[in-house]
Amino acid sequence: MNSISFMQAVELIDIAAKDNRLWHYNAGQAYIRVSNDSPVLMVIDHTTSSQEPIVTLNDGAKYFKDYAGAQFEYSRTRREGTPLTELFADVLLDAV
């Protein structure tokens, strides 16, 4: 798999939140359902902006069953905050 940039990773998180596919987010790792009709769980670890994020794809069928409903709360909370693309664009520009 090709790598993605830090900004691409946070954009994926923002998009997932808009679509109620963000199942967990703790400001460093995001658990995203690839699509609403897919059992694939994408985990994005962006704990450091100085390195490329680590992205893994897993069978999420059990995870989605065990945490059913979590996507609505995490997605809503993320949507109501500043978009990560906006937040980190400012942070990364300040670091340059």
C-alpha atoms as a PDB file:
ATOM      1  CA  MET A   1       0.000   0.000   0.000  1.00  0.00           C
ATOM      2  CA  ASN A   2       1.255   3.478  -0.789  1.00  0.00           C
ATOM      3  CA  SER A   3       1.630   5.923   2.059  1.00  0.00           C
ATOM      4  CA  ILE A   4      -0.574   8.951   2.594  1.00  0.00           C
ATOM      5  CA  SER A   5       0.350  12.353   3.937  1.00  0.00           C
ATOM      6  CA  PHE A   6      -0.625  13.665   7.339  1.00  0.00           C
ATOM      7  CA  MET A   7      -3.086  16.110   5.746  1.00  0.00           C
ATOM      8  CA  GLN A   8      -4.652  13.347   3.632  1.00  0.00           C
ATOM      9  CA  ALA A   9      -5.156  11.309   6.804  1.00  0.00           C
ATOM     10  CA  VAL A  10      -6.937  14.098   8.678  1.00  0.00           C
ATOM     11  CA  GLU A  11      -9.033  14.808   5.582  1.00  0.00           C
ATOM     12  CA  LEU A  12     -10.174  11.161   5.601  1.00  0.00           C
ATOM     13  CA  ILE A  13     -11.164  11.549   9.254  1.00  0.00           C
ATOM     14  CA  ASP A  14     -13.171  14.713   8.493  1.00  0.00           C
ATOM     15  CA  ILE A  15     -14.954  12.996   5.599  1.00  0.00           C
ATOM     16  CA  ALA A  16     -15.728   9.905   7.683  1.00  0.00           C
ATOM     17  CA  ALA A  17     -17.263  12.096  10.400  1.00  0.00           C
ATOM     18  CA  LYS A  18     -19.515  13.799   7.844  1.00  0.00           C
ATOM     19  CA  ASP A  19     -20.740  10.360   6.720  1.00  0.00           C
ATOM     20  CA  ASN A  20     -21.178   8.879  10.250  1.00  0.00           C
ATOM     21  CA  ARG A  21     -18.358   6.387   9.587  1.00  0.00           C
ATOM     22  CA  LEU A  22     -16.006   7.568  12.366  1.00  0.00           C
ATOM     23  CA  TRP A  23     -16.282   4.876  15.038  1.00  0.00           C
ATOM     24  CA  HIS A  24     -13.566   6.157  17.378  1.00  0.00           C
ATOM     25  CA  TYR A  25     -11.271   9.161  17.590  1.00  0.00           C
ATOM     26  CA  ASN A  26      -8.905  10.152  20.388  1.00  0.00           C
ATOM     27  CA  ALA A  27      -6.864  12.925  18.692  1.00  0.00           C
ATOM     28  CA  GLY A  28      -4.238  10.404  17.642  1.00  0.00           C
ATOM     29  CA  GLN A  29      -5.988   7.351  16.258  1.00  0.00           C
ATOM     30  CA  ALA A  30      -9.134   7.128  14.202  1.00  0.00           C
ATOM     31  CA  TYR A  31     -11.221   4.025  13.543  1.00  0.00           C
ATOM     32  CA  ILE A  32     -13.173   4.434  10.320  1.00  0.00           C
ATOM     33  CA  ARG A  33     -15.568   2.171   8.469  1.00  0.00           C
ATOM     34  CA  VAL A  34     -14.387   2.276   4.846  1.00  0.00           C
ATOM     35  CA  SER A  35     -17.992   2.467   3.607  1.00  0.00           C
ATOM     36  CA  ASN A  36     -21.392   1.938   5.198  1.00  0.00           C
ATOM     37  CA  ASP A  37     -21.816  -1.414   3.457  1.00  0.00           C
ATOM     38  CA  SER A  38     -18.301  -2.730   4.050  1.00  0.00           C
ATOM     39  CA  PRO A  39     -16.884  -4.707   6.985  1.00  0.00           C
ATOM     40  CA  VAL A  40     -13.447  -3.107   6.480  1.00  0.00           C
ATOM     41  CA  LEU A  41     -12.086  -1.115   9.415  1.00  0.00           C
ATOM     42  CA  MET A  42      -9.416   1.475   8.592  1.00  0.00           C
ATOM     43  CA  VAL A  43      -7.235   2.521  11.510  1.00  0.00           C
ATOM     44  CA  ILE A  44      -5.293   5.754  11.068  1.00  0.00           C
ATOM     45  CA  ASP A  45      -2.589   6.559  13.601  1.00  0.00           C
ATOM     46  CA  HIS A  46      -1.441  10.155  13.243  1.00  0.00           C
ATOM     47  CA  THR A  47       0.148  10.629  16.638  1.00  0.00           C
ATOM     48  CA  THR A  48       2.983  12.660  15.194  1.00  0.00           C
ATOM     49  CA  SER A  49       2.795  15.235  12.419  1.00  0.00           C
ATOM     50  CA  SER A  50       6.514  14.799  11.679  1.00  0.00           C
ATOM     51  CA  GLN A  51       6.015  11.295  10.248  1.00  0.00           C
ATOM     52  CA  GLU A  52       3.656   9.723   7.784  1.00  0.00           C
ATOM     53  CA  PRO A  53       0.546   8.329   9.450  1.00  0.00           C
ATOM     54  CA  ILE A  54       0.257   4.586   9.869  1.00  0.00           C
ATOM     55  CA  VAL A  55      -2.828   3.235   8.107  1.00  0.00           C
ATOM     56  CA  THR A  56      -4.018  -0.337   8.516  1.00  0.00           C
ATOM     57  CA  LEU A  57      -7.019  -2.159   7.099  1.00  0.00           C
ATOM     58  CA  ASN A  58      -8.678  -4.873   9.161  1.00  0.00           C
ATOM     59  CA  ASP A  59     -11.738  -7.080   9.226  1.00  0.00           C
ATOM     60  CA  GLY A  60     -14.021  -4.911  11.347  1.00  0.00           C
ATOM     61  CA  ALA A  61     -17.146  -7.093  11.439  1.00  0.00           C
ATOM     62  CA  LYS A  62     -16.783  -7.963  15.127  1.00  0.00           C
ATOM     63  CA  TYR A  63     -15.638  -4.440  16.040  1.00  0.00           C
ATOM     64  CA  PHE A  64     -18.654  -2.845  14.337  1.00  0.00           C
ATOM     65  CA  LYS A  65     -20.969  -5.284  16.100  1.00  0.00           C
ATOM     66  CA  ASP A  66     -19.363  -4.759  19.524  1.00  0.00           C
ATOM     67  CA  TYR A  67     -19.390  -0.958  19.222  1.00  0.00           C
ATOM     68  CA  ALA A  68     -22.620  -0.468  17.273  1.00  0.00           C
ATOM     69  CA  GLY A  69     -23.840   3.099  17.624  1.00  0.00           C
ATOM     70  CA  ALA A  70     -20.454   4.580  18.566  1.00  0.00           C
ATOM     71  CA  GLN A  71     -20.095   6.010  15.063  1.00  0.00           C
ATOM     72  CA  PHE A  72     -22.934   8.466  15.650  1.00  0.00           C
ATOM     73  CA  GLU A  73     -21.445  10.034  18.788  1.00  0.00           C
ATOM     74  CA  TYR A  74     -17.844  10.182  17.550  1.00  0.00           C
ATOM     75  CA  SER A  75     -18.908  11.484  14.141  1.00  0.00           C
ATOM     76  CA  ARG A  76     -21.197  14.134  15.652  1.00  0.00           C
ATOM     77  CA  THR A  77     -18.530  15.301  18.096  1.00  0.00           C
ATOM     78  CA  ARG A  78     -15.910  15.544  15.352  1.00  0.00           C
ATOM     79  CA  ARG A  79     -18.325  17.373  12.995  1.00  0.00           C
ATOM     80  CA  GLU A  80     -19.140  19.939  15.668  1.00  0.00           C
ATOM     81  CA  GLY A  81     -15.474  20.761  16.229  1.00  0.00           C
ATOM     82  CA  THR A  82     -13.058  22.590  13.973  1.00  0.00           C
ATOM     83  CA  PRO A  83     -12.346  20.428  10.910  1.00  0.00           C
ATOM     84  CA  LEU A  84      -9.021  18.656  11.383  1.00  0.00           C
ATOM     85  CA  THR A  85      -7.834  19.852   7.987  1.00  0.00           C
ATOM     86  CA  GLU A  86      -8.293  23.441   9.151  1.00  0.00           C
ATOM     87  CA  LEU A  87      -6.883  22.855  12.619  1.00  0.00           C
ATOM     88  CA  PHE A  88      -3.742  21.072  11.468  1.00  0.00           C
ATOM     89  CA  ALA A  89      -3.157  23.346   8.477  1.00  0.00           C
ATOM     90  CA  ASP A  90      -2.709  26.192  10.957  1.00  0.00           C
ATOM     91  CA  VAL A  91      -0.461  24.105  13.228  1.00  0.00           C
ATOM     92  CA  LEU A  92       1.709  22.818  10.378  1.00  0.00           C
ATOM     93  CA  LEU A  93       2.055  26.297   8.854  1.00  0.00           C
ATOM     94  CA  ASP A  94       3.204  27.674  12.198  1.00  0.00           C
ATOM     95  CA  ALA A  95       5.877  24.940  12.402  1.00  0.00           C
ATOM     96  CA  VAL A  96       7.403  25.891   9.035  1.00  0.00           C
END
